[in-house]
């Protein structure tokens, strides 16, 4: 049987079509049924501040050693590493603030 070069399905052989249906369907992530406005604004604020600080800490603590090793810029690399440590400590502080908030409300045993 001749293969039509303009047919999009001509690239797949019958065996490839059968192989595509061998496994189970991939799992689907559940769709949340909560409205974003239902989230406590304080919790939302703590979450986004901790995400920002974690990103700053991760960037600084990975970039600083590269500056020191590849460019020999000890002073700049040390300052950026210190900033990363401060940002990491701030993430920990925000986490502890959230934990204390839960303890005060009686949610955590």
PDB file of N, CA and C in Angstrom:
ATOM      1  N   UNK A   1       0.848  -1.170   0.000  1.00  0.00           N
ATOM      2  CA  UNK A   1       0.000   0.000   0.000  1.00  0.00           C
ATOM      3  C   UNK A   1       0.896   1.237   0.000  1.00  0.00           C
ATOM      4  N   UNK A   2       0.745   2.165  -0.955  1.00  0.00           N
ATOM      5  CA  UNK A   2       1.590   3.352  -1.013  1.00  0.00           C
ATOM      6  C   UNK A   2       1.261   4.305   0.127  1.00  0.00           C
ATOM      7  N   UNK A   3       2.306   5.002   0.604  1.00  0.00           N
ATOM      8  CA  UNK A   3       2.163   5.955   1.710  1.00  0.00           C
ATOM      9  C   UNK A   3       1.980   7.348   1.130  1.00  0.00           C
ATOM     10  N   UNK A   4       0.925   8.017   1.572  1.00  0.00           N
ATOM     11  CA  UNK A   4       0.657   9.382   1.122  1.00  0.00           C
ATOM     12  C   UNK A   4       1.579  10.336   1.889  1.00  0.00           C
ATOM     13  N   UNK A   5       2.493  11.082   1.234  1.00  0.00           N
ATOM     14  CA  UNK A   5       3.424  11.955   1.959  1.00  0.00           C
ATOM     15  C   UNK A   5       2.741  13.127   2.648  1.00  0.00           C
ATOM     16  N   UNK A   6       1.502  13.450   2.273  1.00  0.00           N
ATOM     17  CA  UNK A   6       0.788  14.581   2.879  1.00  0.00           C
ATOM     18  C   UNK A   6      -0.085  14.157   4.047  1.00  0.00           C
ATOM     19  N   UNK A   7      -0.126  12.866   4.343  1.00  0.00           N
ATOM     20  CA  UNK A   7      -0.942  12.357   5.434  1.00  0.00           C
ATOM     21  C   UNK A   7      -0.148  12.486   6.738  1.00  0.00           C
ATOM     22  N   UNK A   8      -0.736  13.183   7.736  1.00  0.00           N
ATOM     23  CA  UNK A   8      -0.048  13.389   9.023  1.00  0.00           C
ATOM     24  C   UNK A   8       0.116  12.092   9.800  1.00  0.00           C
ATOM     25  N   UNK A   9      -0.804  11.153   9.622  1.00  0.00           N
ATOM     26  CA  UNK A   9      -0.729   9.900  10.359  1.00  0.00           C
ATOM     27  C   UNK A   9       0.142   8.869   9.655  1.00  0.00           C
ATOM     28  N   UNK A  10       0.730   9.203   8.513  1.00  0.00           N
ATOM     29  CA  UNK A  10       1.544   8.252   7.759  1.00  0.00           C
ATOM     30  C   UNK A  10       2.854   7.944   8.475  1.00  0.00           C
ATOM     31  N   UNK A  11       3.281   8.817   9.380  1.00  0.00           N
ATOM     32  CA  UNK A  11       4.536   8.590  10.093  1.00  0.00           C
ATOM     33  C   UNK A  11       4.422   7.448  11.096  1.00  0.00           C
ATOM     34  N   UNK A  12       3.222   7.177  11.579  1.00  0.00           N
ATOM     35  CA  UNK A  12       3.030   6.129  12.571  1.00  0.00           C
ATOM     36  C   UNK A  12       2.701   4.813  11.882  1.00  0.00           C
ATOM     37  N   UNK A  13       3.356   3.779  12.319  1.00  0.00           N
ATOM     38  CA  UNK A  13       3.030   2.448  11.812  1.00  0.00           C
ATOM     39  C   UNK A  13       1.905   1.884  12.670  1.00  0.00           C
ATOM     40  N   UNK A  14       1.245   0.846  12.209  1.00  0.00           N
ATOM     41  CA  UNK A  14       0.183   0.239  13.042  1.00  0.00           C
ATOM     42  C   UNK A  14       0.713  -0.241  14.393  1.00  0.00           C
ATOM     43  N   UNK A  15       1.951  -0.709  14.425  1.00  0.00           N
ATOM     44  CA  UNK A  15       2.523  -1.157  15.692  1.00  0.00           C
ATOM     45  C   UNK A  15       2.690   0.015  16.664  1.00  0.00           C
ATOM     46  N   UNK A  16       3.078   1.187  16.151  1.00  0.00           N
ATOM     47  CA  UNK A  16       3.218   2.352  17.025  1.00  0.00           C
ATOM     48  C   UNK A  16       1.869   2.798  17.557  1.00  0.00           C
ATOM     49  N   UNK A  17       0.840   2.699  16.743  1.00  0.00           N
ATOM     50  CA  UNK A  17      -0.505   3.067  17.205  1.00  0.00           C
ATOM     51  C   UNK A  17      -0.964   2.130  18.315  1.00  0.00           C
ATOM     52  N   UNK A  18      -0.685   0.822  18.157  1.00  0.00           N
ATOM     53  CA  UNK A  18      -1.069  -0.138  19.199  1.00  0.00           C
ATOM     54  C   UNK A  18      -0.257   0.089  20.458  1.00  0.00           C
ATOM     55  N   UNK A  19       1.025   0.409  20.335  1.00  0.00           N
ATOM     56  CA  UNK A  19       1.879   0.617  21.501  1.00  0.00           C
ATOM     57  C   UNK A  19       1.445   1.837  22.294  1.00  0.00           C
ATOM     58  N   UNK A  20       0.871   2.810  21.626  1.00  0.00           N
ATOM     59  CA  UNK A  20       0.426   4.011  22.328  1.00  0.00           C
ATOM     60  C   UNK A  20      -0.728   3.709  23.272  1.00  0.00           C
ATOM     61  N   UNK A  21      -1.464   2.634  23.025  1.00  0.00           N
ATOM     62  CA  UNK A  21      -2.626   2.293  23.852  1.00  0.00           C
ATOM     63  C   UNK A  21      -2.344   1.171  24.844  1.00  0.00           C
ATOM     64  N   UNK A  22      -1.087   0.777  25.031  1.00  0.00           N
ATOM     65  CA  UNK A  22      -0.774  -0.343  25.915  1.00  0.00           C
ATOM     66  C   UNK A  22      -0.901   0.001  27.391  1.00  0.00           C
ATOM     67  N   UNK A  23      -0.445   1.163  27.786  1.00  0.00           N
ATOM     68  CA  UNK A  23      -0.417   1.506  29.206  1.00  0.00           C
ATOM     69  C   UNK A  23      -1.700   2.172  29.672  1.00  0.00           C
ATOM     70  N   UNK A  24      -1.802   2.335  30.978  1.00  0.00           N
ATOM     71  CA  UNK A  24      -2.980   3.026  31.508  1.00  0.00           C
ATOM     72  C   UNK A  24      -2.905   4.515  31.190  1.00  0.00           C
ATOM     73  N   UNK A  25      -4.032   5.170  31.298  1.00  0.00           N
ATOM     74  CA  UNK A  25      -4.057   6.615  31.095  1.00  0.00           C
ATOM     75  C   UNK A  25      -3.251   7.288  32.207  1.00  0.00           C
ATOM     76  N   UNK A  26      -2.555   8.373  31.907  1.00  0.00           N
ATOM     77  CA  UNK A  26      -1.793   9.056  32.950  1.00  0.00           C
ATOM     78  C   UNK A  26      -2.737   9.657  33.991  1.00  0.00           C
ATOM     79  N   UNK A  27      -2.290   9.721  35.231  1.00  0.00           N
ATOM     80  CA  UNK A  27      -3.151  10.283  36.278  1.00  0.00           C
ATOM     81  C   UNK A  27      -3.393  11.770  36.040  1.00  0.00           C
ATOM     82  N   UNK A  28      -4.530  12.227  36.461  1.00  0.00           N
ATOM     83  CA  UNK A  28      -4.899  13.627  36.334  1.00  0.00           C
ATOM     84  C   UNK A  28      -4.845  14.285  37.702  1.00  0.00           C
ATOM     85  N   UNK A  29      -4.325  15.495  37.748  1.00  0.00           N
ATOM     86  CA  UNK A  29      -4.287  16.235  38.997  1.00  0.00           C
ATOM     87  C   UNK A  29      -5.688  16.727  39.323  1.00  0.00           C
ATOM     88  N   UNK A  30      -6.067  16.654  40.601  1.00  0.00           N
ATOM     89  CA  UNK A  30      -7.399  17.138  40.954  1.00  0.00           C
ATOM     90  C   UNK A  30      -7.484  18.657  40.804  1.00  0.00           C
ATOM     91  N   UNK A  31      -8.635  19.115  40.424  1.00  0.00           N
ATOM     92  CA  UNK A  31      -8.861  20.546  40.289  1.00  0.00           C
ATOM     93  C   UNK A  31      -9.395  21.072  41.615  1.00  0.00           C
ATOM     94  N   UNK A  32      -8.717  22.061  42.208  1.00  0.00           N
ATOM     95  CA  UNK A  32      -9.213  22.569  43.490  1.00  0.00           C
ATOM     96  C   UNK A  32     -10.562  23.254  43.305  1.00  0.00           C
ATOM     97  N   UNK A  33     -11.438  23.032  44.250  1.00  0.00           N
ATOM     98  CA  UNK A  33     -12.758  23.630  44.151  1.00  0.00           C
ATOM     99  C   UNK A  33     -12.919  24.804  45.117  1.00  0.00           C
ATOM    100  N   UNK A  34     -11.805  25.385  45.549  1.00  0.00           N
ATOM    101  CA  UNK A  34     -11.878  26.544  46.435  1.00  0.00           C
ATOM    102  C   UNK A  34     -11.585  27.803  45.643  1.00  0.00           C
ATOM    103  N   UNK A  35     -12.218  28.853  46.037  1.00  0.00           N
ATOM    104  CA  UNK A  35     -12.009  30.151  45.419  1.00  0.00           C
ATOM    105  C   UNK A  35     -10.758  30.779  46.043  1.00  0.00           C
ATOM    106  N   UNK A  36      -9.853  31.358  45.249  1.00  0.00           N
ATOM    107  CA  UNK A  36      -8.656  31.976  45.835  1.00  0.00           C
ATOM    108  C   UNK A  36      -8.976  33.058  46.869  1.00  0.00           C
ATOM    109  N   UNK A  37     -10.145  33.648  46.797  1.00  0.00           N
ATOM    110  CA  UNK A  37     -10.495  34.670  47.790  1.00  0.00           C
ATOM    111  C   UNK A  37     -10.856  34.052  49.134  1.00  0.00           C
ATOM    112  N   UNK A  38     -11.038  32.712  49.190  1.00  0.00           N
ATOM    113  CA  UNK A  38     -11.342  32.042  50.454  1.00  0.00           C
ATOM    114  C   UNK A  38     -10.114  31.865  51.332  1.00  0.00           C
ATOM    115  N   UNK A  39      -8.926  32.036  50.776  1.00  0.00           N
ATOM    116  CA  UNK A  39      -7.690  31.844  51.529  1.00  0.00           C
ATOM    117  C   UNK A  39      -7.463  33.053  52.434  1.00  0.00           C
ATOM    118  N   UNK A  40      -7.029  32.774  53.653  1.00  0.00           N
ATOM    119  CA  UNK A  40      -6.746  33.839  54.606  1.00  0.00           C
ATOM    120  C   UNK A  40      -5.653  34.750  54.037  1.00  0.00           C
ATOM    121  N   UNK A  41      -5.880  36.051  53.978  1.00  0.00           N
ATOM    122  CA  UNK A  41      -4.877  36.960  53.397  1.00  0.00           C
ATOM    123  C   UNK A  41      -3.535  36.925  54.131  1.00  0.00           C
ATOM    124  N   UNK A  42      -3.561  36.691  55.443  1.00  0.00           N
ATOM    125  CA  UNK A  42      -2.308  36.621  56.198  1.00  0.00           C
ATOM    126  C   UNK A  42      -1.494  35.396  55.789  1.00  0.00           C
ATOM    127  N   UNK A  43      -2.153  34.263  55.611  1.00  0.00           N
ATOM    128  CA  UNK A  43      -1.469  33.036  55.184  1.00  0.00           C
ATOM    129  C   UNK A  43      -0.932  33.216  53.767  1.00  0.00           C
ATOM    130  N   UNK A  44      -1.727  33.818  52.912  1.00  0.00           N
ATOM    131  CA  UNK A  44      -1.298  34.053  51.536  1.00  0.00           C
ATOM    132  C   UNK A  44      -0.079  34.971  51.501  1.00  0.00           C
ATOM    133  N   UNK A  45      -0.092  36.001  52.323  1.00  0.00           N
ATOM    134  CA  UNK A  45       1.036  36.929  52.386  1.00  0.00           C
ATOM    135  C   UNK A  45       2.293  36.234  52.902  1.00  0.00           C
ATOM    136  N   UNK A  46       2.151  35.440  53.962  1.00  0.00           N
ATOM    137  CA  UNK A  46       3.300  34.694  54.487  1.00  0.00           C
ATOM    138  C   UNK A  46       3.857  33.739  53.439  1.00  0.00           C
ATOM    139  N   UNK A  47       2.974  33.086  52.696  1.00  0.00           N
ATOM    140  CA  UNK A  47       3.418  32.142  51.681  1.00  0.00           C
ATOM    141  C   UNK A  47       4.226  32.843  50.600  1.00  0.00           C
ATOM    142  N   UNK A  48       3.712  33.945  50.048  1.00  0.00           N
ATOM    143  CA  UNK A  48       4.403  34.601  48.948  1.00  0.00           C
ATOM    144  C   UNK A  48       5.690  35.273  49.410  1.00  0.00           C
ATOM    145  N   UNK A  49       5.710  35.786  50.637  1.00  0.00           N
ATOM    146  CA  UNK A  49       6.967  36.347  51.146  1.00  0.00           C
ATOM    147  C   UNK A  49       8.018  35.258  51.316  1.00  0.00           C
ATOM    148  N   UNK A  50       7.595  34.092  51.804  1.00  0.00           N
ATOM    149  CA  UNK A  50       8.562  33.007  51.982  1.00  0.00           C
ATOM    150  C   UNK A  50       9.044  32.469  50.631  1.00  0.00           C
ATOM    151  N   UNK A  51       8.176  32.441  49.625  1.00  0.00           N
ATOM    152  CA  UNK A  51       8.597  32.011  48.286  1.00  0.00           C
ATOM    153  C   UNK A  51       9.638  32.978  47.738  1.00  0.00           C
ATOM    154  N   UNK A  52       9.391  34.271  47.873  1.00  0.00           N
ATOM    155  CA  UNK A  52      10.336  35.277  47.390  1.00  0.00           C
ATOM    156  C   UNK A  52      11.680  35.158  48.108  1.00  0.00           C
ATOM    157  N   UNK A  53      11.638  35.048  49.416  1.00  0.00           N
ATOM    158  CA  UNK A  53      12.889  34.950  50.179  1.00  0.00           C
ATOM    159  C   UNK A  53      13.627  33.649  49.874  1.00  0.00           C
ATOM    160  N   UNK A  54      12.899  32.559  49.681  1.00  0.00           N
ATOM    161  CA  UNK A  54      13.551  31.283  49.345  1.00  0.00           C
ATOM    162  C   UNK A  54      14.235  31.384  47.987  1.00  0.00           C
ATOM    163  N   UNK A  55      13.606  32.056  47.039  1.00  0.00           N
ATOM    164  CA  UNK A  55      14.237  32.236  45.727  1.00  0.00           C
ATOM    165  C   UNK A  55      15.488  33.094  45.827  1.00  0.00           C
ATOM    166  N   UNK A  56      15.436  34.149  46.627  1.00  0.00           N
ATOM    167  CA  UNK A  56      16.614  34.995  46.822  1.00  0.00           C
ATOM    168  C   UNK A  56      17.734  34.190  47.474  1.00  0.00           C
ATOM    169  N   UNK A  57      17.388  33.426  48.507  1.00  0.00           N
ATOM    170  CA  UNK A  57      18.401  32.617  49.194  1.00  0.00           C
ATOM    171  C   UNK A  57      19.023  31.593  48.254  1.00  0.00           C
ATOM    172  N   UNK A  58      18.203  30.914  47.485  1.00  0.00           N
ATOM    173  CA  UNK A  58      18.713  29.907  46.556  1.00  0.00           C
ATOM    174  C   UNK A  58      19.628  30.531  45.511  1.00  0.00           C
ATOM    175  N   UNK A  59      19.212  31.654  44.934  1.00  0.00           N
ATOM    176  CA  UNK A  59      20.037  32.311  43.933  1.00  0.00           C
ATOM    177  C   UNK A  59      21.375  32.754  44.534  1.00  0.00           C
ATOM    178  N   UNK A  60      21.315  33.425  45.669  1.00  0.00           N
ATOM    179  CA  UNK A  60      22.549  33.948  46.267  1.00  0.00           C
ATOM    180  C   UNK A  60      23.500  32.835  46.685  1.00  0.00           C
ATOM    181  N   UNK A  61      22.956  31.777  47.277  1.00  0.00           N
ATOM    182  CA  UNK A  61      23.819  30.710  47.768  1.00  0.00           C
ATOM    183  C   UNK A  61      24.358  29.813  46.661  1.00  0.00           C
ATOM    184  N   UNK A  62      23.829  29.943  45.458  1.00  0.00           N
ATOM    185  CA  UNK A  62      24.418  29.213  44.334  1.00  0.00           C
ATOM    186  C   UNK A  62      25.302  30.115  43.477  1.00  0.00           C
ATOM    187  N   UNK A  63      24.999  31.391  43.424  1.00  0.00           N
ATOM    188  CA  UNK A  63      25.764  32.324  42.602  1.00  0.00           C
ATOM    189  C   UNK A  63      27.065  32.747  43.286  1.00  0.00           C
ATOM    190  N   UNK A  64      27.029  32.930  44.594  1.00  0.00           N
ATOM    191  CA  UNK A  64      28.209  33.399  45.329  1.00  0.00           C
ATOM    192  C   UNK A  64      29.410  32.461  45.184  1.00  0.00           C
ATOM    193  N   UNK A  65      29.255  31.149  45.358  1.00  0.00           N
ATOM    194  CA  UNK A  65      30.424  30.277  45.183  1.00  0.00           C
ATOM    195  C   UNK A  65      30.994  30.320  43.762  1.00  0.00           C
ATOM    196  N   UNK A  66      30.134  30.535  42.780  1.00  0.00           N
ATOM    197  CA  UNK A  66      30.639  30.637  41.401  1.00  0.00           C
ATOM    198  C   UNK A  66      31.466  31.904  41.224  1.00  0.00           C
ATOM    199  N   UNK A  67      31.018  33.003  41.825  1.00  0.00           N
ATOM    200  CA  UNK A  67      31.822  34.229  41.755  1.00  0.00           C
ATOM    201  C   UNK A  67      33.181  34.026  42.414  1.00  0.00           C
ATOM    202  N   UNK A  68      33.172  33.383  43.543  1.00  0.00           N
ATOM    203  CA  UNK A  68      34.416  33.170  44.277  1.00  0.00           C
ATOM    204  C   UNK A  68      35.345  32.229  43.509  1.00  0.00           C
ATOM    205  N   UNK A  69      34.811  31.108  43.031  1.00  0.00           N
ATOM    206  CA  UNK A  69      35.661  30.102  42.401  1.00  0.00           C
ATOM    207  C   UNK A  69      36.132  30.515  41.008  1.00  0.00           C
ATOM    208  N   UNK A  70      35.214  30.967  40.171  1.00  0.00           N
ATOM    209  CA  UNK A  70      35.582  31.246  38.787  1.00  0.00           C
ATOM    210  C   UNK A  70      36.207  32.617  38.573  1.00  0.00           C
ATOM    211  N   UNK A  71      35.786  33.608  39.338  1.00  0.00           N
ATOM    212  CA  UNK A  71      36.264  34.965  39.105  1.00  0.00           C
ATOM    213  C   UNK A  71      37.190  35.457  40.206  1.00  0.00           C
ATOM    214  N   UNK A  72      37.252  34.749  41.332  1.00  0.00           N
ATOM    215  CA  UNK A  72      38.113  35.161  42.435  1.00  0.00           C
ATOM    216  C   UNK A  72      37.622  36.410  43.152  1.00  0.00           C
ATOM    217  N   UNK A  73      36.346  36.714  43.048  1.00  0.00           N
ATOM    218  CA  UNK A  73      35.783  37.904  43.689  1.00  0.00           C
ATOM    219  C   UNK A  73      35.256  37.531  45.072  1.00  0.00           C
ATOM    220  N   UNK A  74      36.192  37.483  46.004  1.00  0.00           N
ATOM    221  CA  UNK A  74      35.863  37.048  47.357  1.00  0.00           C
ATOM    222  C   UNK A  74      34.938  38.022  48.078  1.00  0.00           C
ATOM    223  N   UNK A  75      35.190  39.291  47.948  1.00  0.00           N
ATOM    224  CA  UNK A  75      34.399  40.276  48.680  1.00  0.00           C
ATOM    225  C   UNK A  75      32.951  40.298  48.178  1.00  0.00           C
ATOM    226  N   UNK A  76      32.768  40.376  46.859  1.00  0.00           N
ATOM    227  CA  UNK A  76      31.423  40.385  46.295  1.00  0.00           C
ATOM    228  C   UNK A  76      30.724  39.043  46.544  1.00  0.00           C
ATOM    229  N   UNK A  77      31.432  37.956  46.327  1.00  0.00           N
ATOM    230  CA  UNK A  77      30.851  36.632  46.564  1.00  0.00           C
ATOM    231  C   UNK A  77      30.480  36.417  48.015  1.00  0.00           C
ATOM    232  N   UNK A  78      31.328  36.893  48.923  1.00  0.00           N
ATOM    233  CA  UNK A  78      31.022  36.770  50.347  1.00  0.00           C
ATOM    234  C   UNK A  78      29.807  37.588  50.742  1.00  0.00           C
ATOM    235  N   UNK A  79      29.700  38.785  50.177  1.00  0.00           N
ATOM    236  CA  UNK A  79      28.532  39.624  50.471  1.00  0.00           C
ATOM    237  C   UNK A  79      27.246  38.998  49.948  1.00  0.00           C
ATOM    238  N   UNK A  80      27.302  38.441  48.750  1.00  0.00           N
ATOM    239  CA  UNK A  80      26.112  37.789  48.192  1.00  0.00           C
ATOM    240  C   UNK A  80      25.767  36.537  48.986  1.00  0.00           C
ATOM    241  N   UNK A  81      26.780  35.792  49.427  1.00  0.00           N
ATOM    242  CA  UNK A  81      26.523  34.613  50.257  1.00  0.00           C
ATOM    243  C   UNK A  81      25.889  35.015  51.587  1.00  0.00           C
ATOM    244  N   UNK A  82      26.360  36.110  52.167  1.00  0.00           N
ATOM    245  CA  UNK A  82      25.765  36.594  53.419  1.00  0.00           C
ATOM    246  C   UNK A  82      24.310  36.994  53.210  1.00  0.00           C
ATOM    247  N   UNK A  83      24.036  37.646  52.079  1.00  0.00           N
ATOM    248  CA  UNK A  83      22.654  37.997  51.762  1.00  0.00           C
ATOM    249  C   UNK A  83      21.801  36.736  51.632  1.00  0.00           C
ATOM    250  N   UNK A  84      22.332  35.693  51.035  1.00  0.00           N
ATOM    251  CA  UNK A  84      21.606  34.434  50.908  1.00  0.00           C
ATOM    252  C   UNK A  84      21.321  33.790  52.248  1.00  0.00           C
ATOM    253  N   UNK A  85      22.288  33.868  53.153  1.00  0.00           N
ATOM    254  CA  UNK A  85      22.080  33.311  54.491  1.00  0.00           C
ATOM    255  C   UNK A  85      20.993  34.099  55.222  1.00  0.00           C
ATOM    256  N   UNK A  86      21.037  35.422  55.109  1.00  0.00           N
ATOM    257  CA  UNK A  86      20.012  36.259  55.754  1.00  0.00           C
ATOM    258  C   UNK A  86      18.634  35.938  55.178  1.00  0.00           C
ATOM    259  N   UNK A  87      18.542  35.773  53.868  1.00  0.00           N
ATOM    260  CA  UNK A  87      17.259  35.433  53.248  1.00  0.00           C
ATOM    261  C   UNK A  87      16.787  34.056  53.709  1.00  0.00           C
ATOM    262  N   UNK A  88      17.696  33.110  53.864  1.00  0.00           N
ATOM    263  CA  UNK A  88      17.322  31.785  54.367  1.00  0.00           C
ATOM    264  C   UNK A  88      16.828  31.826  55.798  1.00  0.00           C
ATOM    265  N   UNK A  89      17.480  32.635  56.617  1.00  0.00           N
ATOM    266  CA  UNK A  89      17.031  32.796  58.004  1.00  0.00           C
ATOM    267  C   UNK A  89      15.648  33.447  58.030  1.00  0.00           C
ATOM    268  N   UNK A  90      15.408  34.370  57.109  1.00  0.00           N
ATOM    269  CA  UNK A  90      14.092  35.017  57.027  1.00  0.00           C
ATOM    270  C   UNK A  90      13.011  34.008  56.629  1.00  0.00           C
ATOM    271  N   UNK A  91      13.324  33.093  55.737  1.00  0.00           N
ATOM    272  CA  UNK A  91      12.362  32.044  55.374  1.00  0.00           C
ATOM    273  C   UNK A  91      12.025  31.211  56.600  1.00  0.00           C
ATOM    274  N   UNK A  92      13.042  30.849  57.375  1.00  0.00           N
ATOM    275  CA  UNK A  92      12.816  30.078  58.598  1.00  0.00           C
ATOM    276  C   UNK A  92      11.952  30.876  59.575  1.00  0.00           C
ATOM    277  N   UNK A  93      12.217  32.168  59.694  1.00  0.00           N
ATOM    278  CA  UNK A  93      11.429  33.020  60.588  1.00  0.00           C
ATOM    279  C   UNK A  93       9.970  33.077  60.132  1.00  0.00           C
ATOM    280  N   UNK A  94       9.737  33.211  58.836  1.00  0.00           N
ATOM    281  CA  UNK A  94       8.363  33.232  58.330  1.00  0.00           C
ATOM    282  C   UNK A  94       7.666  31.894  58.580  1.00  0.00           C
ATOM    283  N   UNK A  95       8.407  30.813  58.444  1.00  0.00           N
ATOM    284  CA  UNK A  95       7.833  29.494  58.717  1.00  0.00           C
ATOM    285  C   UNK A  95       7.442  29.378  60.186  1.00  0.00           C
ATOM    286  N   UNK A  96       8.332  29.803  61.065  1.00  0.00           N
ATOM    287  CA  UNK A  96       8.025  29.741  62.505  1.00  0.00           C
ATOM    288  C   UNK A  96       6.845  30.646  62.844  1.00  0.00           C
ATOM    289  N   UNK A  97       6.717  31.782  62.164  1.00  0.00           N
ATOM    290  CA  UNK A  97       5.577  32.668  62.383  1.00  0.00           C
ATOM    291  C   UNK A  97       4.281  31.953  62.011  1.00  0.00           C
ATOM    292  N   UNK A  98       4.303  31.243  60.904  1.00  0.00           N
ATOM    293  CA  UNK A  98       3.122  30.487  60.487  1.00  0.00           C
ATOM    294  C   UNK A  98       2.810  29.380  61.488  1.00  0.00           C
ATOM    295  N   UNK A  99       3.829  28.686  61.967  1.00  0.00           N
ATOM    296  CA  UNK A  99       3.621  27.628  62.957  1.00  0.00           C
ATOM    297  C   UNK A  99       3.007  28.185  64.235  1.00  0.00           C
ATOM    298  N   UNK A 100       3.518  29.308  64.719  1.00  0.00           N
ATOM    299  CA  UNK A 100       2.971  29.915  65.935  1.00  0.00           C
ATOM    300  C   UNK A 100       1.534  30.361  65.722  1.00  0.00           C
ATOM    301  N   UNK A 101       1.232  30.827  64.520  1.00  0.00           N
ATOM    302  CA  UNK A 101      -0.133  31.245  64.208  1.00  0.00           C
ATOM    303  C   UNK A 101      -1.076  30.054  64.344  1.00  0.00           C
ATOM    304  N   UNK A 102      -0.658  28.883  63.862  1.00  0.00           N
ATOM    305  CA  UNK A 102      -1.468  27.678  63.979  1.00  0.00           C
ATOM    306  C   UNK A 102      -1.603  27.220  65.412  1.00  0.00           C
ATOM    307  N   UNK A 103      -0.535  27.350  66.204  1.00  0.00           N
ATOM    308  CA  UNK A 103      -0.586  26.964  67.615  1.00  0.00           C
ATOM    309  C   UNK A 103      -1.541  27.855  68.396  1.00  0.00           C
ATOM    310  N   UNK A 104      -1.561  29.145  68.082  1.00  0.00           N
ATOM    311  CA  UNK A 104      -2.430  30.070  68.781  1.00  0.00           C
ATOM    312  C   UNK A 104      -3.900  29.818  68.491  1.00  0.00           C
ATOM    313  N   UNK A 105      -4.193  29.354  67.290  1.00  0.00           N
ATOM    314  CA  UNK A 105      -5.576  29.086  66.913  1.00  0.00           C
ATOM    315  C   UNK A 105      -6.052  27.734  67.406  1.00  0.00           C
ATOM    316  N   UNK A 106      -5.134  26.931  67.956  1.00  0.00           N
ATOM    317  CA  UNK A 106      -5.497  25.609  68.446  1.00  0.00           C
ATOM    318  C   UNK A 106      -5.634  24.572  67.349  1.00  0.00           C
ATOM    319  N   UNK A 107      -5.082  24.835  66.165  1.00  0.00           N
ATOM    320  CA  UNK A 107      -5.201  23.891  65.060  1.00  0.00           C
ATOM    321  C   UNK A 107      -4.171  22.780  65.149  1.00  0.00           C
ATOM    322  N   UNK A 108      -2.993  23.084  65.657  1.00  0.00           N
ATOM    323  CA  UNK A 108      -1.935  22.063  65.754  1.00  0.00           C
ATOM    324  C   UNK A 108      -1.943  21.460  67.139  1.00  0.00           C
ATOM    325  N   UNK A 109      -1.826  20.136  67.243  1.00  0.00           N
ATOM    326  CA  UNK A 109      -1.826  19.501  68.575  1.00  0.00           C
ATOM    327  C   UNK A 109      -0.557  19.793  69.340  1.00  0.00           C
TER     328      UNK A 109
END
